[in-house]
N, C-alpha and C. Protein backbone atom coordinates (compact mmCIF):
# COMPACT_ATOMS: atom_id res chain seq x y z
N MET A 1 0.85 -1.17 0.00
CA MET A 1 0.00 0.00 0.00
C MET A 1 0.89 1.23 0.00
N SER A 2 0.69 2.09 -0.96
CA SER A 2 1.50 3.30 -1.04
C SER A 2 1.03 4.32 -0.01
N GLY A 3 1.79 5.38 0.15
CA GLY A 3 1.44 6.40 1.14
C GLY A 3 0.13 7.09 0.84
N THR A 4 -0.15 7.37 -0.46
CA THR A 4 -1.40 8.04 -0.78
C THR A 4 -2.58 7.10 -0.63
N ASP A 5 -2.38 5.79 -0.91
CA ASP A 5 -3.45 4.82 -0.70
C ASP A 5 -3.81 4.74 0.78
N ALA A 6 -2.79 4.78 1.64
CA ALA A 6 -3.03 4.69 3.08
C ALA A 6 -3.81 5.91 3.58
N LEU A 7 -3.58 7.07 2.97
CA LEU A 7 -4.29 8.27 3.40
C LEU A 7 -5.72 8.29 2.90
N SER A 8 -5.97 7.71 1.72
CA SER A 8 -7.32 7.76 1.18
C SER A 8 -8.09 6.46 1.40
N GLY A 9 -7.43 5.40 1.81
CA GLY A 9 -8.08 4.11 2.00
C GLY A 9 -8.80 4.02 3.33
N PRO A 10 -9.22 2.81 3.68
CA PRO A 10 -9.92 2.62 4.96
C PRO A 10 -9.01 2.95 6.15
N ARG A 11 -9.62 3.51 7.19
CA ARG A 11 -8.85 3.92 8.37
C ARG A 11 -9.53 3.43 9.65
N VAL A 12 -8.71 3.11 10.62
CA VAL A 12 -9.17 2.84 11.97
C VAL A 12 -8.53 3.90 12.85
N VAL A 13 -9.34 4.82 13.34
CA VAL A 13 -8.88 5.93 14.17
C VAL A 13 -9.07 5.53 15.63
N VAL A 14 -8.06 5.75 16.46
CA VAL A 14 -8.15 5.36 17.87
C VAL A 14 -7.67 6.51 18.75
N GLY A 15 -8.42 6.78 19.81
CA GLY A 15 -8.04 7.79 20.78
C GLY A 15 -7.04 7.23 21.77
N VAL A 16 -5.93 7.95 21.95
CA VAL A 16 -4.87 7.51 22.85
C VAL A 16 -4.60 8.63 23.84
N SER A 17 -4.59 8.27 25.13
CA SER A 17 -4.25 9.26 26.15
C SER A 17 -3.11 8.78 27.04
N GLY A 18 -2.80 7.51 26.95
CA GLY A 18 -1.79 6.92 27.82
C GLY A 18 -2.40 6.17 28.98
N SER A 19 -3.71 6.28 29.18
CA SER A 19 -4.38 5.55 30.25
C SER A 19 -4.45 4.07 29.90
N THR A 20 -4.71 3.22 30.88
CA THR A 20 -4.80 1.79 30.62
C THR A 20 -5.95 1.48 29.66
N GLY A 21 -7.05 2.21 29.76
CA GLY A 21 -8.17 2.00 28.85
C GLY A 21 -7.82 2.36 27.41
N SER A 22 -7.07 3.44 27.24
CA SER A 22 -6.70 3.83 25.88
C SER A 22 -5.66 2.89 25.30
N LEU A 23 -4.81 2.31 26.14
CA LEU A 23 -3.84 1.34 25.64
C LEU A 23 -4.54 0.06 25.18
N ALA A 24 -5.59 -0.34 25.92
CA ALA A 24 -6.39 -1.50 25.49
C ALA A 24 -7.11 -1.18 24.18
N ALA A 25 -7.62 0.03 24.03
CA ALA A 25 -8.27 0.44 22.79
C ALA A 25 -7.29 0.45 21.63
N LEU A 26 -6.06 0.87 21.89
CA LEU A 26 -5.03 0.90 20.85
C LEU A 26 -4.72 -0.52 20.37
N ARG A 27 -4.61 -1.45 21.28
CA ARG A 27 -4.36 -2.85 20.90
C ARG A 27 -5.54 -3.39 20.09
N TRP A 28 -6.76 -3.07 20.53
CA TRP A 28 -7.96 -3.52 19.83
C TRP A 28 -8.00 -2.93 18.42
N ALA A 29 -7.67 -1.64 18.31
CA ALA A 29 -7.70 -0.96 17.02
C ALA A 29 -6.69 -1.56 16.05
N GLU A 30 -5.55 -1.96 16.56
CA GLU A 30 -4.54 -2.59 15.70
C GLU A 30 -5.09 -3.88 15.10
N GLY A 31 -5.77 -4.69 15.90
CA GLY A 31 -6.38 -5.91 15.39
C GLY A 31 -7.48 -5.62 14.38
N GLU A 32 -8.26 -4.59 14.65
CA GLU A 32 -9.33 -4.20 13.73
C GLU A 32 -8.75 -3.70 12.40
N ALA A 33 -7.68 -2.93 12.46
CA ALA A 33 -7.03 -2.44 11.23
C ALA A 33 -6.48 -3.61 10.42
N ARG A 34 -5.92 -4.59 11.10
CA ARG A 34 -5.38 -5.77 10.42
C ARG A 34 -6.51 -6.54 9.74
N ARG A 35 -7.63 -6.75 10.44
CA ARG A 35 -8.77 -7.48 9.86
C ARG A 35 -9.36 -6.76 8.65
N ARG A 36 -9.41 -5.44 8.70
CA ARG A 36 -10.03 -4.67 7.63
C ARG A 36 -9.07 -4.29 6.52
N GLY A 37 -7.77 -4.53 6.72
CA GLY A 37 -6.78 -4.06 5.75
C GLY A 37 -6.72 -2.55 5.71
N ALA A 38 -6.86 -1.94 6.88
CA ALA A 38 -6.94 -0.48 6.99
C ALA A 38 -5.67 0.08 7.63
N ALA A 39 -5.51 1.38 7.51
CA ALA A 39 -4.42 2.08 8.18
C ALA A 39 -4.85 2.41 9.61
N LEU A 40 -3.90 2.37 10.53
CA LEU A 40 -4.16 2.70 11.93
C LEU A 40 -3.80 4.16 12.16
N TRP A 41 -4.73 4.92 12.72
CA TRP A 41 -4.52 6.34 13.01
C TRP A 41 -4.66 6.59 14.51
N PRO A 42 -3.59 6.42 15.30
CA PRO A 42 -3.67 6.78 16.72
C PRO A 42 -3.64 8.30 16.87
N VAL A 43 -4.58 8.83 17.66
CA VAL A 43 -4.71 10.28 17.83
C VAL A 43 -4.64 10.60 19.32
N LEU A 44 -3.74 11.50 19.68
CA LEU A 44 -3.69 12.01 21.05
C LEU A 44 -4.10 13.48 20.99
N ALA A 45 -5.22 13.78 21.62
CA ALA A 45 -5.72 15.17 21.66
C ALA A 45 -5.23 15.83 22.95
N TRP A 46 -4.85 17.08 22.84
CA TRP A 46 -4.37 17.80 24.01
C TRP A 46 -4.94 19.21 24.01
N GLU A 47 -5.03 19.76 25.20
CA GLU A 47 -5.45 21.15 25.39
C GLU A 47 -4.45 21.83 26.32
N PRO A 48 -4.21 23.12 26.12
CA PRO A 48 -3.34 23.82 27.06
C PRO A 48 -3.99 23.86 28.44
N PRO A 49 -3.20 23.76 29.50
CA PRO A 49 -3.77 23.89 30.84
C PRO A 49 -4.47 25.24 30.96
N GLY A 50 -5.71 25.23 31.38
CA GLY A 50 -6.48 26.46 31.49
C GLY A 50 -7.22 26.81 30.21
N GLY A 51 -7.07 25.98 29.18
CA GLY A 51 -7.78 26.23 27.92
C GLY A 51 -7.08 27.23 27.04
N ASP A 52 -7.71 27.54 25.92
CA ASP A 52 -7.12 28.47 24.95
C ASP A 52 -7.05 29.89 25.48
N VAL A 53 -7.95 30.25 26.38
CA VAL A 53 -7.93 31.61 26.94
C VAL A 53 -6.62 31.85 27.68
N ALA A 54 -6.13 30.85 28.39
CA ALA A 54 -4.89 31.00 29.16
C ALA A 54 -3.69 31.22 28.24
N THR A 55 -3.75 30.69 27.01
CA THR A 55 -2.60 30.85 26.11
C THR A 55 -2.52 32.24 25.50
N ARG A 56 -3.57 33.04 25.59
CA ARG A 56 -3.57 34.39 25.02
C ARG A 56 -3.13 35.45 26.03
N ARG A 57 -2.88 35.05 27.25
CA ARG A 57 -2.63 36.04 28.31
C ARG A 57 -1.20 36.55 28.35
N GLY A 58 -0.23 35.71 28.02
CA GLY A 58 1.15 36.14 28.20
C GLY A 58 1.95 36.12 26.93
N PRO A 59 3.08 36.81 26.94
CA PRO A 59 3.92 36.85 25.74
C PRO A 59 4.62 35.51 25.46
N GLY A 60 4.80 34.69 26.46
CA GLY A 60 5.48 33.41 26.27
C GLY A 60 4.53 32.26 25.96
N ALA A 61 3.30 32.58 25.63
CA ALA A 61 2.30 31.54 25.41
C ALA A 61 2.64 30.65 24.23
N ALA A 62 3.18 31.21 23.16
CA ALA A 62 3.52 30.40 21.98
C ALA A 62 4.61 29.39 22.32
N VAL A 63 5.58 29.82 23.12
CA VAL A 63 6.65 28.91 23.52
C VAL A 63 6.09 27.79 24.39
N MET A 64 5.19 28.15 25.29
CA MET A 64 4.58 27.13 26.15
C MET A 64 3.73 26.16 25.34
N CYS A 65 2.99 26.66 24.35
CA CYS A 65 2.18 25.78 23.52
C CYS A 65 3.05 24.78 22.77
N ASP A 66 4.20 25.24 22.28
CA ASP A 66 5.12 24.32 21.61
C ASP A 66 5.62 23.25 22.58
N ALA A 67 5.91 23.66 23.80
CA ALA A 67 6.38 22.70 24.81
C ALA A 67 5.28 21.69 25.15
N TRP A 68 4.04 22.14 25.28
CA TRP A 68 2.93 21.23 25.59
C TRP A 68 2.68 20.27 24.43
N GLN A 69 2.83 20.76 23.21
CA GLN A 69 2.65 19.88 22.06
C GLN A 69 3.76 18.83 22.01
N ASP A 70 4.99 19.22 22.35
CA ASP A 70 6.09 18.26 22.40
C ASP A 70 5.84 17.20 23.48
N LEU A 71 5.29 17.64 24.62
CA LEU A 71 4.95 16.68 25.68
C LEU A 71 3.87 15.70 25.20
N ALA A 72 2.88 16.21 24.48
CA ALA A 72 1.82 15.34 23.94
C ALA A 72 2.41 14.35 22.94
N ARG A 73 3.29 14.82 22.09
CA ARG A 73 3.94 13.94 21.11
C ARG A 73 4.74 12.85 21.81
N THR A 74 5.47 13.21 22.85
CA THR A 74 6.25 12.24 23.62
C THR A 74 5.33 11.21 24.27
N ARG A 75 4.21 11.67 24.81
CA ARG A 75 3.25 10.75 25.44
C ARG A 75 2.67 9.77 24.42
N LEU A 76 2.40 10.23 23.21
CA LEU A 76 1.88 9.36 22.16
C LEU A 76 2.92 8.33 21.74
N VAL A 77 4.16 8.76 21.55
CA VAL A 77 5.23 7.83 21.18
C VAL A 77 5.45 6.80 22.28
N THR A 78 5.38 7.23 23.53
CA THR A 78 5.53 6.31 24.66
C THR A 78 4.41 5.28 24.68
N ALA A 79 3.18 5.72 24.46
CA ALA A 79 2.04 4.79 24.44
C ALA A 79 2.18 3.78 23.30
N LEU A 80 2.59 4.24 22.12
CA LEU A 80 2.78 3.32 21.00
C LEU A 80 3.89 2.31 21.32
N GLY A 81 4.96 2.77 21.96
CA GLY A 81 6.03 1.86 22.35
C GLY A 81 5.60 0.85 23.39
N GLU A 82 4.77 1.27 24.35
CA GLU A 82 4.30 0.34 25.38
C GLU A 82 3.43 -0.76 24.78
N VAL A 83 2.62 -0.43 23.80
CA VAL A 83 1.70 -1.41 23.23
C VAL A 83 2.37 -2.27 22.17
N PHE A 84 3.15 -1.66 21.27
CA PHE A 84 3.68 -2.39 20.13
C PHE A 84 5.16 -2.74 20.22
N GLY A 85 5.88 -2.13 21.14
CA GLY A 85 7.31 -2.40 21.24
C GLY A 85 8.07 -1.79 20.07
N ASP A 86 9.27 -2.32 19.85
CA ASP A 86 10.12 -1.77 18.80
C ASP A 86 9.66 -2.16 17.40
N GLY A 87 8.94 -3.29 17.27
CA GLY A 87 8.51 -3.77 15.97
C GLY A 87 7.39 -2.99 15.34
N GLY A 88 6.66 -2.20 16.10
CA GLY A 88 5.53 -1.45 15.57
C GLY A 88 4.31 -2.34 15.41
N PRO A 89 3.21 -1.77 14.97
CA PRO A 89 1.96 -2.52 14.89
C PRO A 89 1.87 -3.49 13.72
N GLY A 90 2.66 -3.33 12.70
CA GLY A 90 2.59 -4.23 11.56
C GLY A 90 1.53 -3.85 10.55
N VAL A 91 0.90 -2.70 10.69
CA VAL A 91 -0.04 -2.16 9.72
C VAL A 91 0.39 -0.71 9.44
N PRO A 92 0.01 -0.15 8.29
CA PRO A 92 0.36 1.26 8.05
C PRO A 92 -0.19 2.14 9.18
N THR A 93 0.66 2.99 9.71
CA THR A 93 0.29 3.79 10.87
C THR A 93 0.58 5.26 10.61
N HIS A 94 -0.37 6.12 10.98
CA HIS A 94 -0.22 7.56 10.86
C HIS A 94 -0.60 8.17 12.19
N ALA A 95 0.38 8.33 13.09
CA ALA A 95 0.12 8.90 14.41
C ALA A 95 -0.09 10.40 14.28
N LEU A 96 -1.00 10.92 15.10
CA LEU A 96 -1.37 12.33 15.00
C LEU A 96 -1.57 12.91 16.39
N VAL A 97 -0.98 14.09 16.62
CA VAL A 97 -1.22 14.85 17.84
C VAL A 97 -2.11 16.02 17.44
N ALA A 98 -3.30 16.10 18.05
CA ALA A 98 -4.27 17.13 17.69
C ALA A 98 -4.55 18.02 18.88
N ARG A 99 -4.58 19.32 18.63
CA ARG A 99 -4.89 20.27 19.69
C ARG A 99 -6.40 20.48 19.73
N GLY A 100 -7.00 20.23 20.88
CA GLY A 100 -8.43 20.43 21.04
C GLY A 100 -9.02 19.50 22.06
N VAL A 101 -10.32 19.65 22.27
CA VAL A 101 -11.06 18.79 23.19
C VAL A 101 -11.03 17.37 22.62
N PRO A 102 -10.72 16.35 23.42
CA PRO A 102 -10.52 15.01 22.88
C PRO A 102 -11.65 14.47 22.00
N GLY A 103 -12.89 14.55 22.45
CA GLY A 103 -13.99 14.01 21.65
C GLY A 103 -14.12 14.71 20.31
N MET A 104 -14.06 16.03 20.32
CA MET A 104 -14.18 16.79 19.08
C MET A 104 -13.01 16.53 18.15
N ALA A 105 -11.81 16.46 18.71
CA ALA A 105 -10.62 16.22 17.89
C ALA A 105 -10.69 14.85 17.23
N LEU A 106 -11.15 13.84 17.96
CA LEU A 106 -11.28 12.51 17.36
C LEU A 106 -12.29 12.51 16.22
N LEU A 107 -13.39 13.21 16.41
CA LEU A 107 -14.42 13.24 15.37
C LEU A 107 -13.98 14.05 14.15
N GLU A 108 -13.09 15.02 14.34
CA GLU A 108 -12.56 15.75 13.19
C GLU A 108 -11.67 14.85 12.34
N VAL A 109 -10.97 13.92 12.97
CA VAL A 109 -10.12 13.00 12.22
C VAL A 109 -10.97 11.89 11.60
N ALA A 110 -11.85 11.28 12.38
CA ALA A 110 -12.71 10.19 11.90
C ALA A 110 -13.96 10.79 11.28
N ASP A 111 -13.78 11.45 10.13
CA ASP A 111 -14.88 12.20 9.53
C ASP A 111 -15.47 11.53 8.29
N ARG A 112 -15.05 10.32 7.98
CA ARG A 112 -15.58 9.61 6.81
C ARG A 112 -16.50 8.48 7.26
N GLU A 113 -17.50 8.18 6.46
CA GLU A 113 -18.41 7.09 6.81
C GLU A 113 -17.70 5.75 6.84
N GLY A 114 -16.63 5.58 6.04
CA GLY A 114 -15.90 4.32 5.99
C GLY A 114 -14.91 4.14 7.11
N ASP A 115 -14.68 5.16 7.92
CA ASP A 115 -13.75 5.05 9.06
C ASP A 115 -14.38 4.22 10.16
N VAL A 116 -13.54 3.73 11.04
CA VAL A 116 -13.97 3.11 12.29
C VAL A 116 -13.23 3.84 13.40
N LEU A 117 -13.95 4.28 14.41
CA LEU A 117 -13.37 4.99 15.55
C LEU A 117 -13.38 4.06 16.75
N VAL A 118 -12.22 3.91 17.39
CA VAL A 118 -12.09 3.04 18.56
C VAL A 118 -11.72 3.91 19.75
N VAL A 119 -12.50 3.79 20.83
CA VAL A 119 -12.24 4.55 22.05
C VAL A 119 -12.30 3.61 23.25
N GLY A 120 -11.58 3.94 24.28
CA GLY A 120 -11.66 3.19 25.53
C GLY A 120 -12.85 3.66 26.34
N ALA A 121 -13.60 2.73 26.87
CA ALA A 121 -14.76 3.07 27.71
C ALA A 121 -14.39 2.74 29.15
N GLY A 122 -13.54 3.57 29.73
CA GLY A 122 -13.03 3.31 31.07
C GLY A 122 -14.10 3.42 32.14
N ARG A 123 -13.78 2.87 33.30
CA ARG A 123 -14.70 2.95 34.44
C ARG A 123 -14.75 4.40 34.92
N ARG A 124 -15.93 4.84 35.25
CA ARG A 124 -16.10 6.22 35.71
C ARG A 124 -16.99 6.22 36.94
N GLY A 125 -16.46 6.73 38.00
CA GLY A 125 -17.25 6.87 39.21
C GLY A 125 -18.09 8.13 39.14
N PRO A 126 -18.96 8.34 40.13
CA PRO A 126 -19.84 9.52 40.11
C PRO A 126 -19.06 10.84 40.15
N TRP A 127 -17.96 10.89 40.86
CA TRP A 127 -17.19 12.12 40.95
C TRP A 127 -16.59 12.48 39.60
N ARG A 128 -15.98 11.52 38.92
CA ARG A 128 -15.39 11.79 37.61
C ARG A 128 -16.46 12.11 36.58
N ARG A 129 -17.60 11.45 36.68
CA ARG A 129 -18.69 11.70 35.74
C ARG A 129 -19.18 13.14 35.88
N ALA A 130 -19.21 13.66 37.11
CA ALA A 130 -19.68 15.02 37.34
C ALA A 130 -18.66 16.07 36.89
N CYS A 131 -17.37 15.75 36.99
CA CYS A 131 -16.32 16.73 36.70
C CYS A 131 -15.83 16.71 35.26
N ARG A 132 -15.88 15.56 34.61
CA ARG A 132 -15.31 15.45 33.27
C ARG A 132 -16.28 14.77 32.32
N ARG A 133 -16.32 15.28 31.10
CA ARG A 133 -17.16 14.66 30.09
C ARG A 133 -16.54 13.35 29.64
N SER A 134 -17.37 12.40 29.27
CA SER A 134 -16.89 11.13 28.76
C SER A 134 -16.63 11.25 27.27
N VAL A 135 -15.40 10.99 26.87
CA VAL A 135 -15.03 11.05 25.46
C VAL A 135 -15.77 9.97 24.69
N SER A 136 -15.87 8.77 25.26
CA SER A 136 -16.54 7.68 24.54
C SER A 136 -18.02 7.99 24.32
N ARG A 137 -18.69 8.56 25.31
CA ARG A 137 -20.11 8.91 25.14
C ARG A 137 -20.29 10.00 24.09
N TYR A 138 -19.42 10.97 24.10
CA TYR A 138 -19.49 12.05 23.11
C TYR A 138 -19.32 11.47 21.71
N CYS A 139 -18.33 10.61 21.53
CA CYS A 139 -18.07 10.02 20.22
C CYS A 139 -19.23 9.13 19.77
N LEU A 140 -19.77 8.34 20.67
CA LEU A 140 -20.91 7.49 20.32
C LEU A 140 -22.11 8.31 19.89
N ALA A 141 -22.30 9.47 20.49
CA ALA A 141 -23.46 10.30 20.19
C ALA A 141 -23.30 11.12 18.91
N HIS A 142 -22.08 11.49 18.53
CA HIS A 142 -21.90 12.45 17.45
C HIS A 142 -21.14 11.93 16.23
N ALA A 143 -20.62 10.73 16.24
CA ALA A 143 -19.79 10.24 15.13
C ALA A 143 -20.61 9.94 13.89
N VAL A 144 -19.99 10.14 12.72
CA VAL A 144 -20.62 9.78 11.45
C VAL A 144 -20.19 8.38 11.01
N CYS A 145 -19.28 7.78 11.73
CA CYS A 145 -18.78 6.45 11.39
C CYS A 145 -19.05 5.50 12.55
N PRO A 146 -18.88 4.19 12.34
CA PRO A 146 -19.05 3.25 13.45
C PRO A 146 -18.03 3.52 14.57
N VAL A 147 -18.46 3.35 15.80
CA VAL A 147 -17.60 3.56 16.97
C VAL A 147 -17.55 2.27 17.78
N LEU A 148 -16.34 1.83 18.09
CA LEU A 148 -16.15 0.69 18.98
C LEU A 148 -15.67 1.22 20.33
N ALA A 149 -16.43 0.95 21.37
CA ALA A 149 -16.04 1.34 22.73
C ALA A 149 -15.51 0.10 23.43
N VAL A 150 -14.21 0.10 23.70
CA VAL A 150 -13.54 -1.05 24.30
C VAL A 150 -13.70 -0.99 25.81
N PRO A 151 -14.31 -2.02 26.42
CA PRO A 151 -14.50 -2.00 27.87
C PRO A 151 -13.16 -2.12 28.60
N PRO A 152 -13.11 -1.65 29.83
CA PRO A 152 -11.87 -1.75 30.59
C PRO A 152 -11.56 -3.19 30.94
N SER A 153 -10.30 -3.46 31.14
CA SER A 153 -9.85 -4.79 31.53
C SER A 153 -10.30 -5.07 32.97
N PRO A 154 -10.67 -6.33 33.28
CA PRO A 154 -10.99 -6.65 34.67
C PRO A 154 -9.80 -6.44 35.60
N LEU A 155 -8.61 -6.48 35.05
CA LEU A 155 -7.42 -6.25 35.88
C LEU A 155 -7.34 -4.80 36.35
N GLU A 156 -7.98 -3.89 35.62
CA GLU A 156 -7.96 -2.49 36.02
C GLU A 156 -8.67 -2.29 37.37
N ALA A 157 -9.78 -3.01 37.58
CA ALA A 157 -10.50 -2.93 38.85
C ALA A 157 -9.65 -3.51 39.98
N ALA A 158 -8.96 -4.61 39.69
CA ALA A 158 -8.09 -5.22 40.70
C ALA A 158 -6.93 -4.29 41.06
N LEU A 159 -6.39 -3.60 40.06
CA LEU A 159 -5.30 -2.66 40.30
C LEU A 159 -5.79 -1.48 41.15
N ALA A 160 -6.99 -0.99 40.85
CA ALA A 160 -7.55 0.12 41.64
C ALA A 160 -7.78 -0.31 43.08
N ALA A 161 -8.24 -1.56 43.28
CA ALA A 161 -8.45 -2.07 44.64
C ALA A 161 -7.12 -2.16 45.38
N ALA A 162 -6.06 -2.59 44.70
CA ALA A 162 -4.74 -2.68 45.33
C ALA A 162 -4.24 -1.29 45.72
N HIS A 163 -4.47 -0.30 44.86
CA HIS A 163 -4.06 1.07 45.19
C HIS A 163 -4.82 1.59 46.40
N ARG A 164 -6.12 1.29 46.48
CA ARG A 164 -6.89 1.71 47.66
C ARG A 164 -6.35 1.06 48.92
N ARG A 165 -6.05 -0.25 48.86
CA ARG A 165 -5.49 -0.95 50.03
C ARG A 165 -4.18 -0.31 50.46
N ASN A 166 -3.34 0.02 49.49
CA ASN A 166 -2.05 0.64 49.82
C ASN A 166 -2.23 2.03 50.41
N ARG A 167 -3.17 2.79 49.86
CA ARG A 167 -3.40 4.15 50.36
C ARG A 167 -3.88 4.12 51.81
N TRP A 168 -4.74 3.15 52.15
CA TRP A 168 -5.26 3.06 53.52
C TRP A 168 -4.40 2.17 54.42
N ARG A 169 -3.27 1.71 53.86
CA ARG A 169 -2.31 0.86 54.59
C ARG A 169 -2.97 -0.39 55.16
N LEU A 170 -3.82 -1.01 54.34
CA LEU A 170 -4.46 -2.25 54.73
C LEU A 170 -3.60 -3.42 54.32
N GLY A 171 -3.66 -4.49 55.08
CA GLY A 171 -2.87 -5.67 54.77
C GLY A 171 -3.39 -6.39 53.53
N LEU A 172 -2.52 -7.19 52.96
CA LEU A 172 -2.87 -7.97 51.78
C LEU A 172 -3.26 -9.37 52.23
N ASP A 173 -4.41 -9.85 51.79
CA ASP A 173 -4.89 -11.18 52.15
C ASP A 173 -4.24 -12.21 51.23
N THR A 174 -3.09 -12.74 51.65
CA THR A 174 -2.35 -13.68 50.80
C THR A 174 -3.06 -15.01 50.67
N GLY A 175 -3.85 -15.40 51.66
CA GLY A 175 -4.60 -16.65 51.57
C GLY A 175 -5.60 -16.63 50.42
N ARG A 176 -6.27 -15.51 50.28
CA ARG A 176 -7.23 -15.36 49.18
C ARG A 176 -6.51 -15.37 47.84
N LEU A 177 -5.34 -14.72 47.77
CA LEU A 177 -4.57 -14.71 46.54
C LEU A 177 -4.10 -16.11 46.15
N GLU A 178 -3.69 -16.90 47.14
CA GLU A 178 -3.26 -18.28 46.86
C GLU A 178 -4.41 -19.10 46.30
N LYS A 179 -5.60 -18.94 46.87
CA LYS A 179 -6.77 -19.67 46.37
C LYS A 179 -7.11 -19.27 44.94
N GLU A 180 -7.05 -17.95 44.66
CA GLU A 180 -7.35 -17.49 43.30
C GLU A 180 -6.31 -17.99 42.31
N ALA A 181 -5.04 -18.01 42.70
CA ALA A 181 -3.99 -18.52 41.81
C ALA A 181 -4.17 -20.01 41.54
N ALA A 182 -4.51 -20.76 42.59
CA ALA A 182 -4.73 -22.20 42.41
C ALA A 182 -5.93 -22.45 41.49
N ARG A 183 -6.98 -21.68 41.68
CA ARG A 183 -8.17 -21.82 40.83
C ARG A 183 -7.83 -21.48 39.38
N ALA A 184 -7.02 -20.46 39.17
CA ALA A 184 -6.63 -20.07 37.81
C ALA A 184 -5.77 -21.15 37.17
N LEU A 185 -4.86 -21.76 37.94
CA LEU A 185 -4.00 -22.80 37.39
C LEU A 185 -4.80 -24.06 37.06
N ARG A 186 -5.79 -24.38 37.87
CA ARG A 186 -6.64 -25.56 37.57
C ARG A 186 -7.45 -25.36 36.31
N GLY A 187 -7.79 -24.09 36.02
CA GLY A 187 -8.60 -23.78 34.85
C GLY A 187 -7.83 -23.81 33.54
N ARG A 188 -6.48 -23.82 33.60
CA ARG A 188 -5.68 -23.81 32.37
C ARG A 188 -5.64 -25.21 31.76
N PRO A 189 -5.83 -25.31 30.46
CA PRO A 189 -5.73 -26.61 29.82
C PRO A 189 -4.29 -27.11 29.83
N GLY A 190 -4.13 -28.40 30.04
CA GLY A 190 -2.80 -29.00 30.01
C GLY A 190 -2.00 -28.86 31.29
N ARG A 191 -2.61 -28.32 32.33
CA ARG A 191 -1.91 -28.14 33.60
C ARG A 191 -2.51 -29.08 34.63
N ALA A 192 -1.67 -29.63 35.46
CA ALA A 192 -2.16 -30.49 36.54
C ALA A 192 -2.74 -29.60 37.64
N GLY A 193 -3.73 -30.12 38.36
CA GLY A 193 -4.35 -29.36 39.44
C GLY A 193 -3.37 -29.09 40.55
N VAL A 194 -3.59 -28.02 41.26
CA VAL A 194 -2.70 -27.64 42.36
C VAL A 194 -3.30 -28.10 43.65
């Protein structure tokens, strides 16, 4: 596939923020791009701290915007490296750093009916729901193309529980962990029971 074919052909656009949910969505999008013979378009949307109004206040705003964009680019490259390693995804890839609100920026890129947009549908508690808009809900409501919302990994809930235990300095129940590990090993094909 030539470069111009990749730009005009089928695309799988995926929102990347560096969160565990977006990394799962990136992995899912790579598989979807492979199945469809499409190009993978990972997009990291960023906004200046304080919004665009804050960037107009001082004379050094342009320099700061360049620095924030470089940080966003570094975060995107890091996320791609965490998911795909040194070998890359194995499909044509066009990574993009977009300035703007994440949901709107994703929809500006995934603007064709033939595109597929992949977003992470992370767990959201009542506090986060009240303070921040859901990118996945916005995309599902306003997209002109199909949207795949990748659910969070069950391990994400276990990790959050471990962080809460550590924050409150609660002990770890190793007996329960041993039982869960034994149950998991018994469930594997080709393994002897523990």
